Amino acid sequence: MVLSMSRPWKHPSSGVYYYRKAVPEDLRATLGAWERKQSLRTKDPAEARRKHSEVAAKVEQEWSDLRRRLTAPQLFELDAATIKSMGAAYCAFLLEEDDDRRLAGFAVDGVLPEMPSPTFKDYEDTQADLEADARYGWARGEVDVFFLSEVDEVLAWPEFRGLNLAPSSPSRKLIARELQAAVIRAGKAKRERNAGEPVETPAYPSPRSAGPQAAQTILGLFADWWKEAERVGTKQSTHDNYRNTVTKFVAFLGHDDAVKVCPEDVIRFKDYRLTEVSPKTVKFLNEQAISVTGIFRHPKTTPIISTPDVLTFGGLHNYGMSRSPIVKGSCIEGAEGAASIVVN
């Protein structure tokens, strides 16, 4: 049985820390996996905790995006600009992987590496074979089944959240061919790097979605809030407490759509939390145990998002006394002291 890991898992042999979490039951068939496991590439406990939080937020966002995509209106075709954007994102991903490989270093003949890694020659040969295969297929108009399978992988990336492309869509072959071209472009850049030429990894393209609401998830906004909060010195313990509450709030709502949140949802959640027993005191939580300031605002940071119809986020941890809008331009605008949230 795969367990949900709330903290970094240390590999018993290598000592390297990993992020591990069971894939939610409703996504297992789509993802074809029971567990998400990812190396944090460090043996330092403090760095592992920091990286674990970052990966956890990213994974939750990916799963939220996937759920949204699976329930979004199905598209039969994608426009040419979106298809080109997918190729650009794939190329950036391949070169980002190449950056990581070079930073990790290569094995040296006759020297046992600390972590499994190829020699420079082995890596160079492997990349050359991949590029040659892609060029062979591209020249002949042949699209390998690998690239067709990668289409859904790329569609699940944050840059393309909300795009639910029909399995029979003719755009799938066009996307696969664009990914094939991306491998060729990335292969050329890698060869230049192998020759000692500094080639920059391109930035990922701007997110493209099926609609303006697609990016507004509670967990996604929390991840953005933490980027701001961490920069101003907010403690890791605050992140962990806030995130526990946010995760419980999403589970309580049964959805992760930030735009749908109304004051009544928060009041119901507060009432629900008051019926829980504190694991620390084995007593019912009471009003005094619930701190109050603002549900989607944090005193150390400015709102990440402040445009109409989206949540401004500062941490779903303290709420009740703030007189500022929670969701500008929506049903929550002007809500005052409606409820508060427990974190223990």
Protein backbone atom coordinates (compact mmCIF):
# COMPACT_ATOMS: atom_id res chain seq x y z
CA MET A 1 0.00 0.00 0.00
CA VAL A 2 1.37 3.41 -0.99
CA LEU A 3 1.33 5.95 1.81
CA SER A 4 0.92 9.70 1.55
CA MET A 5 4.21 11.25 2.66
CA SER A 6 3.83 14.63 4.37
CA ARG A 7 7.59 15.05 4.79
CA PRO A 8 10.71 14.20 2.76
CA TRP A 9 11.51 10.49 2.54
CA LYS A 10 15.16 9.52 2.93
CA HIS A 11 16.42 6.72 0.71
CA PRO A 12 17.93 4.06 2.99
CA SER A 13 20.88 3.36 0.67
CA SER A 14 21.82 6.66 -0.95
CA GLY A 15 20.68 9.04 1.80
CA VAL A 16 19.07 11.26 -0.84
CA TYR A 17 15.69 12.71 0.07
CA TYR A 18 12.58 12.16 -2.07
CA TYR A 19 9.07 13.53 -2.43
CA ARG A 20 6.54 10.70 -2.31
CA LYS A 21 2.77 10.81 -2.40
CA ALA A 22 -0.02 8.46 -3.39
CA VAL A 23 -1.79 9.49 -6.58
CA PRO A 24 -5.45 10.34 -5.83
CA GLU A 25 -7.76 7.47 -6.72
CA ASP A 26 -9.68 9.49 -9.31
CA LEU A 27 -6.48 10.21 -11.27
CA ARG A 28 -4.76 6.82 -11.15
CA ALA A 29 -6.26 5.49 -14.37
CA THR A 30 -5.40 8.68 -16.26
CA LEU A 31 -1.85 8.90 -14.93
CA GLY A 32 -1.26 5.15 -14.98
CA ALA A 33 0.45 5.26 -11.59
CA TRP A 34 -0.29 4.78 -7.91
CA GLU A 35 2.48 6.93 -6.55
CA ARG A 36 4.31 10.14 -7.42
CA LYS A 37 7.98 9.84 -6.49
CA GLN A 38 10.58 12.50 -7.25
CA SER A 39 14.15 12.97 -6.11
CA LEU A 40 14.81 16.21 -4.22
CA ARG A 41 18.50 15.91 -5.18
CA THR A 42 19.84 16.67 -1.73
CA LYS A 43 21.02 14.92 1.42
CA ASP A 44 20.57 18.01 3.57
CA PRO A 45 17.41 17.78 5.75
CA ALA A 46 16.73 21.54 5.78
CA GLU A 47 17.10 21.87 2.02
CA ALA A 48 14.99 18.73 1.57
CA ARG A 49 12.13 20.26 3.59
CA ARG A 50 12.22 23.42 1.48
CA LYS A 51 12.31 21.52 -1.80
CA HIS A 52 9.62 19.12 -0.57
CA SER A 53 7.22 22.03 0.00
CA GLU A 54 7.92 23.42 -3.46
CA VAL A 55 7.42 20.05 -5.16
CA ALA A 56 4.29 19.33 -3.10
CA ALA A 57 2.68 22.62 -4.18
CA LYS A 58 3.62 21.96 -7.79
CA VAL A 59 2.23 18.41 -7.76
CA GLU A 60 -1.05 19.51 -6.17
CA GLN A 61 -1.36 22.19 -8.85
CA GLU A 62 -0.68 19.64 -11.60
CA TRP A 63 -3.34 17.30 -10.24
CA SER A 64 -5.80 20.15 -9.91
CA ASP A 65 -5.09 21.21 -13.49
CA LEU A 66 -5.55 17.64 -14.68
CA ARG A 67 -8.93 17.37 -12.96
CA ARG A 68 -9.98 20.65 -14.53
CA ARG A 69 -8.84 19.50 -17.95
CA LEU A 70 -10.68 16.19 -17.66
CA THR A 71 -13.93 17.97 -16.83
CA ALA A 72 -13.48 20.89 -19.26
CA PRO A 73 -15.44 21.06 -22.53
CA GLN A 74 -13.74 18.82 -25.07
CA LEU A 75 -11.92 20.54 -27.92
CA PHE A 76 -11.70 18.96 -31.36
CA GLU A 77 -8.91 21.18 -32.66
CA LEU A 78 -6.24 23.55 -31.33
CA ASP A 79 -5.10 26.70 -33.07
CA ALA A 80 -1.66 26.85 -34.69
CA ALA A 81 -0.30 29.29 -32.10
CA THR A 82 -1.12 26.93 -29.23
CA ILE A 83 0.48 23.99 -31.05
CA LYS A 84 3.65 26.03 -31.66
CA SER A 85 3.61 27.04 -28.00
CA MET A 86 3.55 23.38 -26.96
CA GLY A 87 6.64 22.72 -29.06
CA ALA A 88 8.42 25.68 -27.48
CA ALA A 89 7.54 24.45 -23.99
CA TYR A 90 8.81 20.94 -24.82
CA CYS A 91 12.11 22.32 -26.12
CA ALA A 92 12.53 24.40 -22.95
CA PHE A 93 11.81 21.30 -20.86
CA LEU A 94 14.43 19.21 -22.71
CA LEU A 95 17.11 21.88 -22.31
CA GLU A 96 16.18 22.37 -18.66
CA GLU A 97 16.75 18.63 -18.16
CA ASP A 98 20.09 19.02 -19.94
CA ASP A 99 21.00 21.85 -17.55
CA ASP A 100 20.26 19.59 -14.59
CA ARG A 101 22.36 16.76 -16.03
CA ARG A 102 25.38 19.00 -16.52
CA LEU A 103 25.03 20.56 -13.08
CA ALA A 104 24.89 17.09 -11.51
CA GLY A 105 28.09 16.16 -13.34
CA PHE A 106 29.16 13.06 -15.26
CA ALA A 107 30.76 9.85 -14.15
CA VAL A 108 34.49 9.41 -14.73
CA ASP A 109 35.85 6.07 -15.98
CA GLY A 110 37.35 4.10 -13.12
CA VAL A 111 35.73 6.27 -10.43
CA LEU A 112 32.59 5.07 -8.64
CA PRO A 113 30.09 7.99 -8.68
CA GLU A 114 28.15 8.98 -5.57
CA MET A 115 24.91 8.81 -7.56
CA PRO A 116 24.22 6.80 -10.74
CA SER A 117 25.22 9.00 -13.69
CA PRO A 118 26.47 8.48 -17.25
CA THR A 119 29.88 9.39 -18.53
CA PHE A 120 30.02 12.45 -20.79
CA LYS A 121 30.61 10.19 -23.82
CA ASP A 122 27.64 7.96 -22.98
CA TYR A 123 25.39 11.00 -22.53
CA GLU A 124 26.63 12.54 -25.80
CA ASP A 125 25.97 9.29 -27.70
CA THR A 126 22.48 8.88 -26.23
CA GLN A 127 21.46 12.43 -27.13
CA ALA A 128 22.86 12.01 -30.64
CA ASP A 129 20.78 8.85 -31.14
CA LEU A 130 17.61 10.61 -29.95
CA GLU A 131 18.19 13.53 -32.30
CA ALA A 132 19.01 11.23 -35.22
CA ASP A 133 15.79 9.24 -34.72
CA ALA A 134 13.74 12.43 -34.56
CA ARG A 135 15.36 13.79 -37.74
CA TYR A 136 14.78 10.50 -39.58
CA GLY A 137 11.07 10.57 -38.76
CA TRP A 138 10.69 14.30 -39.41
CA ALA A 139 12.24 14.03 -42.88
CA ARG A 140 9.86 11.23 -43.86
CA GLY A 141 6.73 12.66 -42.27
CA GLU A 142 6.64 9.80 -39.75
CA VAL A 143 5.53 10.45 -36.19
CA ASP A 144 6.76 7.92 -33.64
CA VAL A 145 4.23 6.54 -31.15
CA PHE A 146 6.39 8.02 -28.37
CA PHE A 147 5.60 11.57 -29.48
CA LEU A 148 1.90 10.76 -29.76
CA SER A 149 1.97 9.51 -26.18
CA GLU A 150 3.75 12.70 -25.07
CA VAL A 151 0.85 14.86 -26.27
CA ASP A 152 -1.26 14.14 -23.17
CA GLU A 153 1.80 14.63 -20.97
CA VAL A 154 2.35 18.14 -22.34
CA LEU A 155 -1.38 18.94 -22.21
CA ALA A 156 -1.19 18.32 -18.45
CA TRP A 157 1.52 20.96 -17.97
CA PRO A 158 0.54 24.24 -16.23
CA GLU A 159 1.13 26.20 -19.44
CA PHE A 160 -1.81 24.40 -21.08
CA ARG A 161 -4.20 23.88 -18.18
CA GLY A 162 -7.84 23.61 -19.14
CA LEU A 163 -7.21 22.19 -22.64
CA ASN A 164 -9.22 18.98 -22.96
CA LEU A 165 -8.36 17.73 -26.44
CA ALA A 166 -10.52 14.99 -27.95
CA PRO A 167 -8.71 11.64 -28.43
CA SER A 168 -9.69 11.67 -32.13
CA SER A 169 -8.53 15.24 -32.73
CA PRO A 170 -6.41 15.72 -35.87
CA SER A 171 -4.44 18.27 -33.84
CA ARG A 172 -2.80 15.44 -31.92
CA LYS A 173 -0.59 14.45 -34.86
CA LEU A 174 0.31 18.10 -35.46
CA ILE A 175 1.30 18.46 -31.79
CA ALA A 176 3.32 15.24 -31.91
CA ARG A 177 5.17 16.51 -34.96
CA GLU A 178 5.85 19.80 -33.17
CA LEU A 179 7.31 17.85 -30.22
CA GLN A 180 9.43 15.91 -32.69
CA ALA A 181 10.74 19.21 -34.05
CA ALA A 182 11.44 20.36 -30.49
CA VAL A 183 13.69 17.32 -29.94
CA ILE A 184 15.62 18.28 -33.07
CA ARG A 185 16.03 21.90 -31.95
CA ALA A 186 17.03 20.82 -28.43
CA GLY A 187 19.44 18.25 -29.90
CA LYS A 188 21.20 20.94 -31.90
CA ALA A 189 21.51 23.12 -28.78
CA LYS A 190 22.90 20.18 -26.79
CA ARG A 191 25.55 19.51 -29.45
CA GLU A 192 26.63 23.12 -29.22
CA ARG A 193 26.80 22.81 -25.44
CA ASN A 194 28.86 19.64 -25.80
CA ALA A 195 31.33 21.65 -27.87
CA GLY A 196 31.62 24.21 -25.10
CA GLU A 197 29.20 26.78 -26.51
CA PRO A 198 27.03 28.43 -23.81
CA VAL A 199 23.44 28.06 -25.05
CA GLU A 200 20.72 29.57 -22.87
CA THR A 201 17.65 27.54 -21.96
CA PRO A 202 14.63 29.42 -23.34
CA ALA A 203 11.82 30.54 -21.04
CA TYR A 204 8.58 28.59 -20.99
CA PRO A 205 5.81 30.20 -23.05
CA SER A 206 2.98 32.10 -21.38
CA PRO A 207 0.12 29.88 -20.13
CA ARG A 208 -2.62 29.14 -22.64
CA SER A 209 -6.00 27.89 -21.45
CA ALA A 210 -9.50 27.16 -22.64
CA GLY A 211 -10.92 30.03 -20.63
CA PRO A 212 -10.04 32.89 -18.26
CA GLN A 213 -11.08 30.92 -15.17
CA ALA A 214 -8.79 27.96 -15.79
CA ALA A 215 -5.82 29.17 -13.75
CA GLN A 216 -7.70 30.23 -10.63
CA THR A 217 -7.28 27.34 -8.23
CA ILE A 218 -7.00 27.69 -4.46
CA LEU A 219 -3.90 25.51 -4.24
CA GLY A 220 -2.33 27.33 -7.16
CA LEU A 221 -2.89 30.69 -5.52
CA PHE A 222 -1.43 29.30 -2.30
CA ALA A 223 1.73 28.28 -4.18
CA ASP A 224 1.99 31.82 -5.56
CA TRP A 225 1.43 33.30 -2.10
CA TRP A 226 4.26 31.21 -0.66
CA LYS A 227 6.69 32.51 -3.28
CA GLU A 228 5.97 36.02 -2.01
CA ALA A 229 5.86 35.08 1.66
CA GLU A 230 9.13 33.13 1.56
CA ARG A 231 10.93 36.13 0.07
CA VAL A 232 9.93 38.32 3.04
CA GLY A 233 11.12 35.77 5.60
CA THR A 234 7.95 33.88 6.48
CA LYS A 235 8.86 30.73 8.41
CA GLN A 236 8.53 27.23 6.97
CA SER A 237 6.31 26.29 9.91
CA THR A 238 3.85 28.99 8.82
CA HIS A 239 3.81 27.53 5.32
CA ASP A 240 3.12 24.04 6.69
CA ASN A 241 0.31 25.24 8.97
CA TYR A 242 -1.31 27.33 6.27
CA ARG A 243 -1.04 24.58 3.70
CA ASN A 244 -2.64 22.02 6.00
CA THR A 245 -5.59 24.35 6.41
CA VAL A 246 -5.83 25.12 2.70
CA THR A 247 -5.76 21.41 1.84
CA LYS A 248 -8.52 20.70 4.36
CA PHE A 249 -10.56 23.61 2.99
CA VAL A 250 -10.30 22.27 -0.57
CA ALA A 251 -11.28 18.79 0.62
CA PHE A 252 -14.20 20.26 2.54
CA LEU A 253 -15.44 22.19 -0.51
CA GLY A 254 -15.03 19.22 -2.83
CA HIS A 255 -13.46 21.46 -5.49
CA ASP A 256 -10.41 23.67 -6.04
CA ASP A 257 -12.04 26.52 -7.96
CA ALA A 258 -11.06 29.75 -6.20
CA VAL A 259 -13.65 31.82 -8.04
CA LYS A 260 -16.52 29.78 -6.61
CA VAL A 261 -15.58 30.46 -2.96
CA CYS A 262 -18.21 32.51 -1.07
CA PRO A 263 -18.42 33.72 2.56
CA GLU A 264 -20.93 30.97 3.33
CA ASP A 265 -18.30 28.36 2.39
CA VAL A 266 -15.89 29.79 4.94
CA ILE A 267 -18.56 29.97 7.65
CA ARG A 268 -19.53 26.35 7.03
CA PHE A 269 -15.88 25.34 7.17
CA LYS A 270 -15.36 27.18 10.46
CA ASP A 271 -18.43 25.48 11.96
CA TYR A 272 -17.16 22.14 10.73
CA ARG A 273 -13.71 22.69 12.25
CA LEU A 274 -15.30 23.59 15.59
CA THR A 275 -16.75 20.08 15.76
CA GLU A 276 -13.29 18.53 15.47
CA VAL A 277 -11.23 17.34 18.40
CA SER A 278 -7.75 18.84 18.75
CA PRO A 279 -5.08 16.11 18.40
CA LYS A 280 -2.93 18.05 20.88
CA THR A 281 -5.42 18.57 23.72
CA VAL A 282 -7.99 15.87 22.86
CA LYS A 283 -10.64 18.56 23.39
CA PHE A 284 -13.09 20.22 21.07
CA LEU A 285 -11.65 23.24 19.32
CA ASN A 286 -13.17 26.50 20.49
CA GLU A 287 -13.56 30.03 19.19
CA GLN A 288 -10.50 31.22 21.13
CA ALA A 289 -8.34 28.70 19.30
CA ILE A 290 -9.20 30.34 16.00
CA SER A 291 -7.09 33.33 15.05
CA VAL A 292 -8.54 36.07 12.88
CA THR A 293 -7.23 38.49 10.26
CA GLY A 294 -8.03 37.71 6.59
CA ILE A 295 -8.71 34.55 4.63
CA PHE A 296 -6.95 35.40 1.39
CA ARG A 297 -4.57 38.09 2.63
CA HIS A 298 -1.42 37.95 4.76
CA PRO A 299 -0.01 40.88 6.78
CA LYS A 300 3.53 40.42 5.43
CA THR A 301 2.63 40.32 1.76
CA THR A 302 0.62 42.13 -0.84
CA PRO A 303 -2.06 40.23 -2.80
CA ILE A 304 -0.66 38.13 -5.62
CA ILE A 305 -3.78 38.61 -7.75
CA SER A 306 -6.11 41.59 -7.50
CA THR A 307 -8.01 41.59 -10.77
CA PRO A 308 -11.83 41.23 -10.79
CA ASP A 309 -13.35 37.82 -10.24
CA VAL A 310 -10.25 36.18 -8.80
CA LEU A 311 -9.10 35.48 -5.29
CA THR A 312 -6.48 37.63 -3.63
CA PHE A 313 -4.44 35.20 -1.54
CA GLY A 314 -2.44 35.57 1.60
CA GLY A 315 -3.07 32.27 3.39
CA LEU A 316 -6.24 30.40 4.31
CA HIS A 317 -5.25 30.44 7.96
CA ASN A 318 -6.65 33.51 9.66
CA TYR A 319 -9.96 35.06 8.72
CA GLY A 320 -12.66 37.11 10.28
CA MET A 321 -11.75 40.69 11.14
CA SER A 322 -10.49 41.95 7.77
CA ARG A 323 -12.82 44.43 6.08
CA SER A 324 -11.04 44.23 2.75
CA PRO A 325 -12.61 42.25 -0.12
CA ILE A 326 -11.69 38.58 -0.32
CA VAL A 327 -12.70 38.18 -3.93
CA LYS A 328 -12.83 41.45 -5.81
CA GLY A 329 -15.77 41.77 -8.17
CA SER A 330 -17.49 38.59 -6.98
CA CYS A 331 -20.01 37.44 -4.40
CA ILE A 332 -17.41 37.82 -1.62
CA GLU A 333 -16.65 41.48 -2.20
CA GLY A 334 -17.12 43.50 0.97
CA ALA A 335 -17.45 40.50 3.30
CA GLU A 336 -16.70 41.48 6.89
CA GLY A 337 -15.82 39.27 9.83
CA ALA A 338 -17.88 36.37 8.54
CA ALA A 339 -15.84 33.49 9.87
CA SER A 340 -12.45 32.24 10.94
CA ILE A 341 -10.34 29.13 10.41
CA VAL A 342 -8.68 26.70 12.78
CA VAL A 343 -5.20 25.44 12.06
CA ASN A 344 -4.25 22.98 14.77
